[in-house]
Amino acid sequence: MKDIKKLCTETSFVRGLEYFQMGNVTDLEQFGNKITATVEGTRDYTVTIRTDKKTITATCTCPYDWGGYCKHIVATLIALSENYPEIKKDKEKKEKKIKKILNNLSFNELKDFLISELENNPPLRNHFTIYFSGKSSKGKSLNGYKKEINLSYREISDLDGFIEYETEIDFSYIRDLADRYIKAENPLEAATIYQALSEVIAENMEKVDDSDGYYRDEFCLAIEYFANCINEAELSHIEKKKYIDYFFGKYIENDPDYFRENYDGALSEICLSKDDLEYWKKLLKPHLPKNLPDSEQWSEYYQAKELLLTQLYLLDSLNHEKEFYELVKKYYRQEEEFCLSYIKRLEKDNRCKEAIKIAEEGLNLFPEHMLIKIRRFLNRFYKKHSPEKYKQNLINLFIQNRDWNDYERLKEICSKEEWKEKILSIIINNLPKDRDSFNSDTIIDLYLKEEMFKEALEQVLTKKSLFTLDTYYKDLSAKFPKRYFKAYRELLIPFADSKMGRSHYRNIVNYLSRMKRIKGFEDDFNQLVNLLKTKYAKRPAFLDEMKYIKPNI
């Protein structure tokens, strides 16, 4: 669970866990390195997870694009971790069956089958052609690869060239081809393949209907592998210049604009020597703004900021100290990223007192949610030299970031009296408690840590959520059985009315199973079960699921 939490926002994790517990993940299976599942949401979404060496990539057909993985991917990852032995066993069984069939086939039978499939399946034919063209040591031109990849788009697009929602091209064949060249110690041919793939994806983005999440992920991988291949080739600076020119040109072109950071990242990956960095700096110079535009001109402001931050990165990497400080002093009060760059450089130059002064100035300049990195920096100095500031900084970090490590550190350095009489109340008063805030679960967890069980119960009940009741069942149901049972009953009936379907009925049964274990309410439980069976007597699927609920004696 901890590893999954790192891949998504807190909200996506909570929603994903809820989807998993509600049984919304279906058709979960694995074959080879590909895992697929259907996740029920506002509609059915398809989740695809691929394992490639040591990396894992996941995509979903939903339109989510807020950072990290969506709730559907999270739900699938949780289902995968919870049911992995069964999924692995099923995978091995299917693969064993396929291998057995293959072993019993003659060469001609396999050849006839393959020819038939290639005749009837143009995308497979295209896949086959590109994959096995890798046998040639010569390779193709950039345009040749692009032409082949574009065929995959044309095969699945409509008459106007648009790709329908949830339609995904499997690019694994092109990565397989690149791998063949890498194994043959020809990384530059593989780089050409990844360049072609990235360009084709970028050029077709406007033709993709609500699937940019998947195609964006594929683009990111293509650019990452493209840069890796260049480094694998161990080029001299002169040989590498054309690739620096390429990535920088794409970076300045900024079309589509949401890929700009990928080209910037590729430049950082391949510009390793002083000559590389100096050349990048020379390319950047004509594009540098004289000033940051007004922040209300958001697009111009953002682009100018990114260019200036790149210049700071280059000046710092090249150790052009005077130029760095001249530039960062001009802007550090306008943007927290400039402020943080200033702080890090001061520390690097052993000017720690000045770094602390600038960091403390930053605390008064920027909104609290932008200060986490600055506060982390200050913590290292406050811990040794300023205990009171260290405490206050930990309080702010926990309230803003809800990192329990900060909470434990804070509690360790406080006396019991100070903790109970002062610090704890400050934290409680500043944490969100509104019913609809997913972050409000933090206050419940805090109450439980402090053994403030009545307060935790009130917060749980305020949320009016069966999922929340389930989450804190072990902690609170035995301590407050009457109120917990009542809360379940009040929420379960409208929940049962909310929709239909086998997975929904299973969720009802799961909640009833929880209720049944609360001691002292056997008659009330049986009345509720009978009420539900009577109310939904015409729903055979519901009654079929209810057979697992026996009367409470």
Protein backbone atom coordinates (compact mmCIF):
# COMPACT_ATOMS: atom_id res chain seq x y z
CA MET A 1 0.00 0.00 0.00
CA LYS A 2 2.81 2.42 0.84
CA ASP A 3 4.37 1.95 -2.59
CA ILE A 4 1.02 2.60 -4.28
CA LYS A 5 0.48 5.79 -2.24
CA LYS A 6 3.70 7.18 -3.70
CA LEU A 7 2.25 6.92 -7.22
CA CYS A 8 -0.85 9.07 -6.73
CA THR A 9 -2.45 11.93 -4.84
CA GLU A 10 -4.07 11.29 -1.45
CA THR A 11 -7.51 11.79 -2.99
CA SER A 12 -6.84 9.25 -5.78
CA PHE A 13 -5.59 6.72 -3.24
CA VAL A 14 -8.67 7.08 -1.01
CA ARG A 15 -11.02 6.83 -4.00
CA GLY A 16 -9.08 3.91 -5.47
CA LEU A 17 -9.18 2.02 -2.18
CA GLU A 18 -12.92 2.64 -2.01
CA TYR A 19 -13.40 1.36 -5.57
CA PHE A 20 -11.43 -1.77 -4.71
CA GLN A 21 -13.41 -2.43 -1.53
CA MET A 22 -16.66 -1.91 -3.42
CA GLY A 23 -15.67 -4.62 -5.89
CA ASN A 24 -15.47 -2.26 -8.88
CA VAL A 25 -12.36 -3.96 -10.32
CA THR A 26 -13.31 -6.80 -12.67
CA ASP A 27 -11.72 -8.89 -15.43
CA LEU A 28 -8.28 -8.51 -13.84
CA GLU A 29 -5.78 -10.72 -15.65
CA GLN A 30 -2.16 -10.90 -16.72
CA PHE A 31 -0.51 -12.41 -19.78
CA GLY A 32 3.18 -11.91 -20.34
CA ASN A 33 4.15 -8.41 -19.18
CA LYS A 34 0.69 -6.92 -19.68
CA ILE A 35 -2.01 -6.64 -17.00
CA THR A 36 -5.52 -5.48 -17.84
CA ALA A 37 -8.66 -4.80 -15.82
CA THR A 38 -12.05 -3.16 -16.12
CA VAL A 39 -12.96 -0.65 -13.41
CA GLU A 40 -16.54 0.44 -12.91
CA GLY A 41 -16.93 4.21 -12.40
CA THR A 42 -19.26 6.69 -14.07
CA ARG A 43 -18.75 4.22 -16.91
CA ASP A 44 -16.49 1.20 -17.41
CA TYR A 45 -12.83 2.15 -17.82
CA THR A 46 -9.99 -0.03 -19.07
CA VAL A 47 -6.75 -0.05 -17.09
CA THR A 48 -3.55 -1.38 -18.68
CA ILE A 49 -0.37 -2.01 -16.69
CA ARG A 50 2.88 -2.95 -18.39
CA THR A 51 6.05 -4.21 -16.78
CA ASP A 52 9.17 -3.43 -18.79
CA LYS A 53 12.38 -4.65 -17.13
CA LYS A 54 12.44 -2.73 -13.82
CA THR A 55 9.83 -0.12 -14.78
CA ILE A 56 6.07 -0.22 -14.50
CA THR A 57 3.76 1.98 -16.56
CA ALA A 58 0.00 2.20 -16.17
CA THR A 59 -2.67 3.85 -18.28
CA CYS A 60 -6.42 4.28 -18.01
CA THR A 61 -9.08 5.26 -20.53
CA CYS A 62 -10.56 7.85 -18.15
CA PRO A 63 -9.79 11.56 -18.79
CA TYR A 64 -7.96 12.10 -15.46
CA ASP A 65 -4.92 14.39 -15.75
CA TRP A 66 -4.27 15.90 -12.29
CA GLY A 67 -0.93 14.33 -11.41
CA GLY A 68 -0.06 10.79 -10.39
CA TYR A 69 -2.21 7.80 -11.25
CA CYS A 70 -6.02 8.01 -11.32
CA LYS A 71 -8.33 6.22 -8.87
CA HIS A 72 -9.03 3.45 -11.43
CA ILE A 73 -5.33 2.58 -11.75
CA VAL A 74 -4.95 2.76 -7.96
CA ALA A 75 -7.90 0.39 -7.50
CA THR A 76 -6.35 -2.03 -9.99
CA LEU A 77 -2.93 -1.90 -8.32
CA ILE A 78 -4.54 -2.61 -4.95
CA ALA A 79 -6.53 -5.51 -6.43
CA LEU A 80 -3.33 -6.81 -8.02
CA SER A 81 -1.41 -6.69 -4.74
CA GLU A 82 -4.26 -8.28 -2.79
CA ASN A 83 -4.84 -11.10 -5.28
CA TYR A 84 -1.38 -11.55 -6.79
CA PRO A 85 -0.93 -15.27 -5.99
CA GLU A 86 -4.19 -16.13 -7.80
CA ILE A 87 -3.42 -13.80 -10.73
CA LYS A 88 0.09 -15.21 -11.07
CA LYS A 89 -1.24 -18.77 -10.98
CA ASP A 90 -3.82 -17.96 -13.66
CA LYS A 91 -1.13 -16.24 -15.78
CA GLU A 92 1.16 -19.26 -15.58
CA LYS A 93 -1.72 -21.57 -16.43
CA LYS A 94 -2.64 -19.60 -19.57
CA GLU A 95 0.98 -19.25 -20.67
CA LYS A 96 1.59 -22.96 -20.09
CA LYS A 97 -1.47 -23.76 -22.20
CA ILE A 98 -0.24 -21.56 -25.06
CA LYS A 99 3.25 -23.06 -24.89
CA LYS A 100 1.80 -26.56 -24.96
CA ILE A 101 -0.22 -25.74 -28.08
CA LEU A 102 2.83 -24.19 -29.74
CA ASN A 103 4.97 -27.21 -28.95
CA ASN A 104 2.44 -29.52 -30.59
CA LEU A 105 2.17 -27.45 -33.78
CA SER A 106 4.14 -28.22 -36.89
CA PHE A 107 6.02 -25.45 -38.68
CA ASN A 108 3.52 -25.45 -41.57
CA GLU A 109 0.50 -25.28 -39.25
CA LEU A 110 1.98 -22.31 -37.44
CA LYS A 111 2.95 -20.64 -40.73
CA ASP A 112 -0.56 -21.12 -42.20
CA PHE A 113 -2.16 -19.68 -39.08
CA LEU A 114 0.17 -16.69 -39.12
CA ILE A 115 -0.45 -15.95 -42.81
CA SER A 116 -4.20 -16.13 -42.22
CA GLU A 117 -4.04 -13.77 -39.28
CA LEU A 118 -1.80 -11.32 -41.17
CA GLU A 119 -4.29 -11.27 -44.06
CA ASN A 120 -7.22 -10.44 -41.76
CA ASN A 121 -5.50 -8.16 -39.26
CA PRO A 122 -3.76 -5.10 -40.79
CA PRO A 123 -2.45 -3.75 -37.42
CA LEU A 124 -0.88 -7.16 -36.72
CA ARG A 125 0.57 -7.21 -40.22
CA ASN A 126 2.08 -3.79 -39.60
CA HIS A 127 3.41 -4.98 -36.23
CA PHE A 128 4.96 -8.06 -37.83
CA THR A 129 6.60 -6.06 -40.62
CA ILE A 130 8.21 -3.48 -38.31
CA TYR A 131 9.29 -6.03 -35.72
CA PHE A 132 11.08 -8.33 -38.12
CA SER A 133 12.57 -5.54 -40.20
CA GLY A 134 14.88 -5.23 -37.20
CA LYS A 135 16.81 -8.20 -38.55
CA SER A 136 18.48 -5.83 -40.97
CA SER A 137 21.56 -4.10 -39.59
CA LYS A 138 21.00 -1.11 -41.88
CA GLY A 139 17.69 0.07 -40.46
CA LYS A 140 15.45 2.75 -41.98
CA SER A 141 15.40 6.51 -42.24
CA LEU A 142 13.54 8.61 -39.68
CA ASN A 143 10.75 9.20 -42.19
CA GLY A 144 10.65 5.49 -42.97
CA TYR A 145 9.99 4.65 -39.32
CA LYS A 146 7.45 7.45 -39.04
CA LYS A 147 5.63 6.13 -42.09
CA GLU A 148 5.42 2.67 -40.55
CA ILE A 149 4.17 3.98 -37.20
CA ASN A 150 1.64 6.28 -38.87
CA LEU A 151 0.13 3.22 -40.52
CA SER A 152 -0.95 2.08 -37.04
CA TYR A 153 -2.82 5.35 -36.59
CA ARG A 154 -4.50 5.10 -39.99
CA GLU A 155 -5.60 1.52 -39.37
CA ILE A 156 -7.63 2.46 -36.28
CA SER A 157 -8.78 6.02 -37.14
CA ASP A 158 -12.07 7.03 -38.74
CA LEU A 159 -12.44 8.59 -42.21
CA ASP A 160 -11.47 12.01 -40.85
CA GLY A 161 -8.36 10.65 -39.20
CA PHE A 162 -9.67 10.82 -35.63
CA ILE A 163 -9.11 8.08 -33.07
CA GLU A 164 -12.16 7.15 -31.01
CA TYR A 165 -12.31 7.30 -27.25
CA GLU A 166 -10.63 4.34 -25.49
CA THR A 167 -8.85 3.24 -28.68
CA GLU A 168 -5.18 2.65 -27.93
CA ILE A 169 -2.29 1.68 -30.18
CA ASP A 170 0.03 -0.87 -28.64
CA PHE A 171 3.51 0.56 -29.29
CA SER A 172 5.33 -2.33 -27.63
CA TYR A 173 6.33 -3.64 -31.06
CA ILE A 174 8.34 -0.47 -31.80
CA ARG A 175 10.09 -0.70 -28.44
CA ASP A 176 10.87 -4.35 -29.18
CA LEU A 177 12.46 -3.29 -32.45
CA ALA A 178 14.56 -0.64 -30.71
CA ASP A 179 15.67 -3.23 -28.15
CA ARG A 180 16.93 -5.44 -30.98
CA TYR A 181 19.22 -2.63 -32.14
CA ILE A 182 20.42 -1.90 -28.60
CA LYS A 183 21.32 -5.57 -28.13
CA ALA A 184 23.13 -5.41 -31.47
CA GLU A 185 25.15 -2.47 -30.03
CA ASN A 186 23.52 0.03 -32.38
CA PRO A 187 21.90 2.51 -29.93
CA LEU A 188 21.75 5.35 -32.49
CA GLU A 189 19.41 3.31 -34.70
CA ALA A 190 17.26 2.74 -31.60
CA ALA A 191 17.42 6.50 -30.95
CA THR A 192 16.07 7.12 -34.47
CA ILE A 193 13.19 4.73 -33.77
CA TYR A 194 12.29 6.51 -30.52
CA GLN A 195 12.61 9.89 -32.24
CA ALA A 196 10.18 8.70 -34.91
CA LEU A 197 7.77 7.36 -32.28
CA SER A 198 7.83 10.59 -30.25
CA GLU A 199 7.26 12.73 -33.34
CA VAL A 200 4.37 10.63 -34.62
CA ILE A 201 2.64 10.71 -31.22
CA ALA A 202 3.11 14.50 -30.91
CA GLU A 203 1.88 15.13 -34.47
CA ASN A 204 -1.27 13.05 -33.90
CA MET A 205 -2.27 14.35 -30.46
CA GLU A 206 -5.00 16.63 -31.82
CA LYS A 207 -6.61 13.62 -33.49
CA VAL A 208 -6.96 11.62 -30.28
CA ASP A 209 -10.36 11.75 -28.59
CA ASP A 210 -10.01 11.95 -24.80
CA SER A 211 -7.11 9.49 -24.70
CA ASP A 212 -4.24 11.91 -24.24
CA GLY A 213 -3.42 10.32 -20.89
CA TYR A 214 -2.36 7.09 -22.59
CA TYR A 215 -0.63 8.71 -25.55
CA ARG A 216 1.10 11.25 -23.33
CA ASP A 217 2.56 8.43 -21.22
CA GLU A 218 3.78 6.72 -24.39
CA PHE A 219 5.37 9.98 -25.55
CA CYS A 220 7.16 10.42 -22.22
CA LEU A 221 8.59 6.91 -22.48
CA ALA A 222 9.70 7.49 -26.07
CA ILE A 223 11.59 10.70 -25.17
CA GLU A 224 13.14 9.08 -22.10
CA TYR A 225 14.37 6.09 -24.12
CA PHE A 226 15.53 8.41 -26.94
CA ALA A 227 17.80 10.29 -24.49
CA ASN A 228 19.02 7.02 -22.93
CA CYS A 229 20.05 5.72 -26.36
CA ILE A 230 22.08 8.86 -27.05
CA ASN A 231 23.94 8.41 -23.78
CA GLU A 232 24.39 4.71 -24.52
CA ALA A 233 26.21 5.69 -27.74
CA GLU A 234 28.88 7.59 -25.75
CA LEU A 235 29.13 10.39 -28.32
CA SER A 236 31.66 13.19 -28.33
CA HIS A 237 30.40 16.74 -27.86
CA ILE A 238 30.64 17.43 -31.62
CA GLU A 239 28.64 14.26 -32.38
CA LYS A 240 26.08 15.06 -29.72
CA LYS A 241 25.44 18.67 -30.86
CA LYS A 242 22.82 17.68 -33.42
CA TYR A 243 20.76 16.01 -30.69
CA ILE A 244 21.11 19.01 -28.38
CA ASP A 245 19.93 21.17 -31.30
CA TYR A 246 16.99 18.82 -31.85
CA PHE A 247 15.73 18.76 -28.27
CA PHE A 248 16.28 22.48 -27.81
CA GLY A 249 14.44 23.23 -31.04
CA LYS A 250 11.48 21.16 -29.88
CA TYR A 251 11.64 22.86 -26.47
CA ILE A 252 11.41 26.34 -28.04
CA GLU A 253 8.82 25.26 -30.60
CA ASN A 254 6.61 24.22 -27.66
CA ASP A 255 4.01 22.39 -29.74
CA PRO A 256 2.12 20.81 -28.12
CA ASP A 257 2.97 22.88 -25.06
CA TYR A 258 2.35 20.05 -22.57
CA PHE A 259 5.43 18.17 -23.87
CA ARG A 260 7.87 21.01 -23.24
CA GLU A 261 9.09 19.67 -19.91
CA ASN A 262 9.97 16.34 -21.58
CA TYR A 263 12.31 18.04 -24.05
CA ASP A 264 13.85 20.02 -21.19
CA GLY A 265 14.34 16.78 -19.25
CA ALA A 266 15.98 15.15 -22.27
CA LEU A 267 18.44 18.05 -22.53
CA SER A 268 19.33 17.58 -18.86
CA GLU A 269 19.92 13.88 -19.48
CA ILE A 270 22.23 14.22 -22.49
CA CYS A 271 24.11 17.44 -21.61
CA LEU A 272 26.74 15.88 -19.36
CA SER A 273 30.00 17.65 -20.19
CA LYS A 274 30.97 21.29 -19.75
CA ASP A 275 30.97 21.72 -23.55
CA ASP A 276 27.44 20.30 -23.75
CA LEU A 277 26.18 22.68 -21.07
CA GLU A 278 27.94 25.70 -22.57
CA TYR A 279 26.40 24.93 -25.96
CA TRP A 280 22.92 24.62 -24.39
CA LYS A 281 23.49 27.97 -22.65
CA LYS A 282 24.49 29.54 -25.98
CA LEU A 283 21.29 28.25 -27.62
CA LEU A 284 19.17 29.57 -24.75
CA LYS A 285 20.62 33.10 -24.64
CA PRO A 286 18.61 34.68 -27.52
CA HIS A 287 15.36 33.45 -25.97
CA LEU A 288 15.83 34.76 -22.44
CA PRO A 289 13.27 37.38 -21.36
CA LYS A 290 14.46 40.70 -20.01
CA ASN A 291 11.91 40.52 -17.19
CA LEU A 292 9.13 38.35 -15.82
CA PRO A 293 5.78 39.51 -17.22
CA ASP A 294 2.89 40.31 -14.91
CA SER A 295 1.58 37.08 -13.34
CA GLU A 296 -1.91 37.84 -14.67
CA GLN A 297 -0.49 37.14 -18.16
CA TRP A 298 -0.20 33.53 -17.11
CA SER A 299 0.99 31.92 -20.34
CA GLU A 300 3.73 34.51 -20.98
CA TYR A 301 4.68 34.51 -17.30
CA TYR A 302 5.00 30.72 -17.15
CA GLN A 303 7.13 30.48 -20.30
CA ALA A 304 9.43 33.28 -19.12
CA LYS A 305 9.78 31.65 -15.72
CA GLU A 306 10.73 28.30 -17.25
CA LEU A 307 13.39 29.89 -19.46
CA LEU A 308 14.91 31.76 -16.52
CA LEU A 309 14.91 28.66 -14.33
CA THR A 310 16.71 26.78 -17.10
CA GLN A 311 19.29 29.56 -17.23
CA LEU A 312 19.77 29.29 -13.46
CA TYR A 313 20.24 25.53 -13.78
CA LEU A 314 22.93 26.03 -16.43
CA LEU A 315 24.72 28.79 -14.54
CA ASP A 316 24.73 26.66 -11.40
CA SER A 317 25.92 23.52 -13.24
CA LEU A 318 28.71 25.49 -14.95
CA ASN A 319 29.60 27.22 -11.67
CA HIS A 320 29.17 30.69 -13.19
CA GLU A 321 28.75 32.11 -9.73
CA LYS A 322 28.57 35.83 -10.49
CA GLU A 323 25.98 35.47 -13.27
CA PHE A 324 23.93 33.07 -11.12
CA TYR A 325 23.64 35.44 -8.17
CA GLU A 326 22.90 38.44 -10.38
CA LEU A 327 19.98 36.61 -11.97
CA VAL A 328 18.53 34.91 -8.88
CA LYS A 329 18.62 38.09 -6.76
CA LYS A 330 16.47 39.76 -9.38
CA TYR A 331 13.60 37.26 -9.10
CA TYR A 332 13.75 35.31 -5.84
CA ARG A 333 11.05 37.44 -4.22
CA GLN A 334 8.63 36.78 -7.10
CA GLU A 335 8.72 32.97 -7.29
CA GLU A 336 9.39 30.33 -4.65
CA GLU A 337 11.35 28.24 -7.19
CA PHE A 338 13.84 31.07 -7.65
CA CYS A 339 14.00 31.49 -3.89
CA LEU A 340 14.74 27.78 -3.43
CA SER A 341 17.46 27.90 -6.11
CA TYR A 342 19.01 30.86 -4.30
CA ILE A 343 18.97 29.01 -0.96
CA LYS A 344 20.52 25.84 -2.39
CA ARG A 345 23.31 27.77 -4.10
CA LEU A 346 24.12 29.71 -0.93
CA GLU A 347 24.36 26.45 0.98
CA LYS A 348 26.53 24.96 -1.76
CA ASP A 349 28.89 27.94 -1.36
CA ASN A 350 28.97 27.45 2.45
CA ARG A 351 27.05 30.68 3.03
CA CYS A 352 24.60 29.01 5.41
CA LYS A 353 23.64 32.09 7.46
CA GLU A 354 22.66 33.92 4.29
CA ALA A 355 20.75 30.83 3.09
CA ILE A 356 18.74 30.74 6.33
CA LYS A 357 18.01 34.47 6.05
CA ILE A 358 16.69 34.10 2.48
CA ALA A 359 14.67 31.00 3.44
CA GLU A 360 13.05 32.85 6.36
CA GLU A 361 12.31 35.75 4.07
CA GLY A 362 10.61 33.26 1.73
CA LEU A 363 8.33 32.12 4.55
CA ASN A 364 6.78 35.58 4.53
CA LEU A 365 6.61 35.93 0.75
CA PHE A 366 4.78 32.84 -0.51
CA PRO A 367 1.58 30.88 0.29
CA GLU A 368 1.97 28.06 2.81
CA HIS A 369 1.39 25.26 0.27
CA MET A 370 4.45 26.46 -1.69
CA LEU A 371 6.79 26.41 1.29
CA ILE A 372 7.30 22.71 1.96
CA LYS A 373 10.77 22.48 0.35
CA ILE A 374 11.91 25.70 2.00
CA ARG A 375 10.71 24.45 5.39
CA ARG A 376 12.50 21.13 4.85
CA PHE A 377 15.70 23.06 4.23
CA LEU A 378 15.23 25.16 7.38
CA ASN A 379 14.56 22.07 9.50
CA ARG A 380 18.13 20.87 9.07
CA PHE A 381 19.43 24.07 10.69
CA TYR A 382 16.65 24.70 13.21
CA LYS A 383 17.02 21.21 14.65
CA LYS A 384 20.54 22.03 15.91
CA HIS A 385 20.37 25.73 16.58
CA SER A 386 16.76 26.86 17.17
CA PRO A 387 14.48 24.35 18.97
CA GLU A 388 11.43 26.65 19.09
CA LYS A 389 11.62 27.47 15.40
CA TYR A 390 12.12 23.76 14.72
CA LYS A 391 8.89 22.97 16.58
CA GLN A 392 6.91 25.62 14.76
CA ASN A 393 8.31 24.52 11.44
CA LEU A 394 7.31 20.89 12.12
CA ILE A 395 3.81 22.04 13.08
CA ASN A 396 3.42 23.89 9.80
CA LEU A 397 4.85 21.01 7.79
CA PHE A 398 2.49 18.49 9.31
CA ILE A 399 -0.59 20.68 8.93
CA GLN A 400 0.23 21.40 5.31
CA ASN A 401 1.74 18.09 4.20
CA ARG A 402 0.26 15.59 6.71
CA ASP A 403 3.50 13.62 6.93
CA TRP A 404 3.33 11.47 10.08
CA ASN A 405 7.12 11.47 10.32
CA ASP A 406 6.92 15.20 11.08
CA TYR A 407 4.25 14.46 13.67
CA GLU A 408 6.39 11.85 15.42
CA ARG A 409 9.48 14.09 15.38
CA LEU A 410 7.45 16.91 16.87
CA LYS A 411 6.03 14.73 19.62
CA GLU A 412 9.49 13.44 20.51
CA ILE A 413 10.92 16.89 21.20
CA CYS A 414 7.96 18.15 23.26
CA SER A 415 7.37 17.49 26.94
CA LYS A 416 4.12 15.67 27.77
CA GLU A 417 2.68 18.82 29.29
CA GLU A 418 3.59 21.04 26.32
CA TRP A 419 2.21 18.44 23.90
CA LYS A 420 -1.14 18.03 25.66
CA GLU A 421 -1.67 21.64 26.67
CA LYS A 422 -0.38 23.51 23.64
CA ILE A 423 0.97 21.74 20.55
CA LEU A 424 -1.79 19.18 20.07
CA SER A 425 -4.53 21.81 20.24
CA ILE A 426 -2.71 23.96 17.66
CA ILE A 427 -2.56 21.02 15.25
CA ILE A 428 -6.19 19.99 15.83
CA ASN A 429 -7.49 23.52 15.37
CA ASN A 430 -5.68 23.91 12.05
CA LEU A 431 -6.36 20.55 10.41
CA PRO A 432 -9.37 20.31 8.04
CA LYS A 433 -12.45 18.76 9.62
CA ASP A 434 -15.14 19.35 7.00
CA ARG A 435 -17.07 16.24 6.08
CA ASP A 436 -16.28 16.24 2.36
CA SER A 437 -12.52 16.76 2.65
CA PHE A 438 -10.56 13.56 2.09
CA ASN A 439 -7.75 15.15 4.04
CA SER A 440 -10.08 15.33 7.03
CA ASP A 441 -9.27 11.64 7.65
CA THR A 442 -5.99 12.95 9.06
CA ILE A 443 -7.81 14.39 12.06
CA ILE A 444 -9.46 11.01 12.70
CA ASP A 445 -6.10 9.27 12.55
CA LEU A 446 -4.67 11.85 14.92
CA TYR A 447 -7.50 11.35 17.43
CA LEU A 448 -6.86 7.61 17.33
CA LYS A 449 -3.12 8.06 17.83
CA GLU A 450 -3.87 10.19 20.87
CA GLU A 451 -6.52 7.71 22.11
CA MET A 452 -9.20 10.41 21.82
CA PHE A 453 -11.77 7.84 20.75
CA LYS A 454 -14.94 9.89 21.32
CA GLU A 455 -13.57 12.71 19.19
CA ALA A 456 -12.58 10.23 16.49
CA LEU A 457 -16.07 8.73 16.52
CA GLU A 458 -17.74 12.13 16.14
CA GLN A 459 -15.56 12.93 13.16
CA VAL A 460 -16.28 9.54 11.56
CA LEU A 461 -20.03 9.98 12.01
CA THR A 462 -19.89 13.51 10.64
CA LYS A 463 -18.62 12.19 7.31
CA LYS A 464 -21.75 10.05 6.82
CA SER A 465 -19.83 7.52 4.75
CA LEU A 466 -20.04 3.72 4.80
CA PHE A 467 -16.49 3.63 3.47
CA THR A 468 -15.29 5.71 6.45
CA LEU A 469 -17.23 3.51 8.87
CA ASP A 470 -15.51 0.49 7.34
CA THR A 471 -12.09 2.14 7.47
CA TYR A 472 -12.30 2.73 11.23
CA TYR A 473 -14.38 -0.32 12.12
CA LYS A 474 -11.60 -2.12 14.03
CA ASP A 475 -10.72 0.99 16.02
CA LEU A 476 -14.17 2.16 17.06
CA SER A 477 -17.01 -0.35 16.59
CA ALA A 478 -16.25 -2.35 19.76
CA LYS A 479 -15.92 0.82 21.83
CA PHE A 480 -19.16 2.40 20.59
CA PRO A 481 -21.30 -0.54 19.33
CA LYS A 482 -24.68 1.16 19.59
CA ARG A 483 -23.75 4.31 17.72
CA TYR A 484 -21.70 2.39 15.16
CA PHE A 485 -24.51 -0.05 14.38
CA LYS A 486 -27.01 2.79 14.13
CA ALA A 487 -24.75 4.71 11.73
CA TYR A 488 -24.36 1.63 9.48
CA ARG A 489 -28.13 1.07 9.41
CA GLU A 490 -28.95 4.69 8.60
CA LEU A 491 -26.49 4.78 5.73
CA LEU A 492 -26.98 1.29 4.32
CA ILE A 493 -30.63 1.62 3.23
CA PRO A 494 -30.12 4.73 1.04
CA PHE A 495 -26.88 3.17 -0.23
CA ALA A 496 -28.79 0.03 -1.25
CA ASP A 497 -31.29 2.23 -3.12
CA SER A 498 -28.56 4.17 -4.95
CA LYS A 499 -27.96 1.72 -7.82
CA MET A 500 -28.18 -1.87 -9.05
CA GLY A 501 -25.74 -4.49 -10.23
CA ARG A 502 -23.93 -7.53 -8.89
CA SER A 503 -20.87 -5.59 -7.63
CA HIS A 504 -23.15 -3.17 -5.79
CA TYR A 505 -24.99 -6.06 -4.11
CA ARG A 506 -21.67 -7.53 -3.01
CA ASN A 507 -20.82 -4.24 -1.34
CA ILE A 508 -24.11 -4.34 0.56
CA VAL A 509 -23.29 -7.87 1.73
CA ASN A 510 -19.81 -6.76 2.82
CA TYR A 511 -21.26 -3.95 4.93
CA LEU A 512 -23.85 -6.31 6.42
CA SER A 513 -21.05 -8.72 7.33
CA ARG A 514 -19.42 -5.92 9.31
CA MET A 515 -22.66 -5.06 11.06
CA LYS A 516 -23.28 -8.67 11.98
CA ARG A 517 -20.07 -8.78 14.01
CA ILE A 518 -21.19 -5.92 16.27
CA LYS A 519 -22.40 -7.66 19.41
CA GLY A 520 -25.74 -6.99 21.09
CA PHE A 521 -27.88 -6.11 18.05
CA GLU A 522 -28.86 -9.55 16.74
CA ASP A 523 -32.61 -8.79 16.48
CA ASP A 524 -32.03 -5.40 14.85
CA PHE A 525 -29.67 -7.01 12.35
CA ASN A 526 -32.16 -9.75 11.42
CA GLN A 527 -34.92 -7.15 10.96
CA LEU A 528 -32.68 -5.16 8.61
CA VAL A 529 -31.80 -8.27 6.56
CA ASN A 530 -35.49 -9.22 6.26
CA LEU A 531 -36.37 -5.66 5.27
CA LEU A 532 -33.79 -5.67 2.48
CA LYS A 533 -34.85 -9.10 1.22
CA THR A 534 -38.48 -8.00 1.11
CA LYS A 535 -37.74 -4.65 -0.47
CA TYR A 536 -35.61 -6.19 -3.22
CA ALA A 537 -37.48 -9.47 -3.60
CA LYS A 538 -37.65 -8.93 -7.38
CA ARG A 539 -33.88 -8.68 -7.73
CA PRO A 540 -32.64 -12.28 -8.04
CA ALA A 541 -28.97 -11.24 -8.22
CA PHE A 542 -29.35 -9.40 -4.92
CA LEU A 543 -31.05 -12.38 -3.26
CA ASP A 544 -28.32 -14.64 -4.66
CA GLU A 545 -25.62 -12.52 -2.96
CA MET A 546 -27.66 -12.35 0.27
CA LYS A 547 -27.45 -16.12 0.68
CA TYR A 548 -24.05 -15.52 2.29
CA ILE A 549 -25.70 -13.57 5.14
CA LYS A 550 -27.09 -15.97 7.71
CA PRO A 551 -29.48 -14.86 10.48
CA ASN A 552 -27.74 -13.53 13.58
CA ILE A 553 -28.53 -15.78 16.55
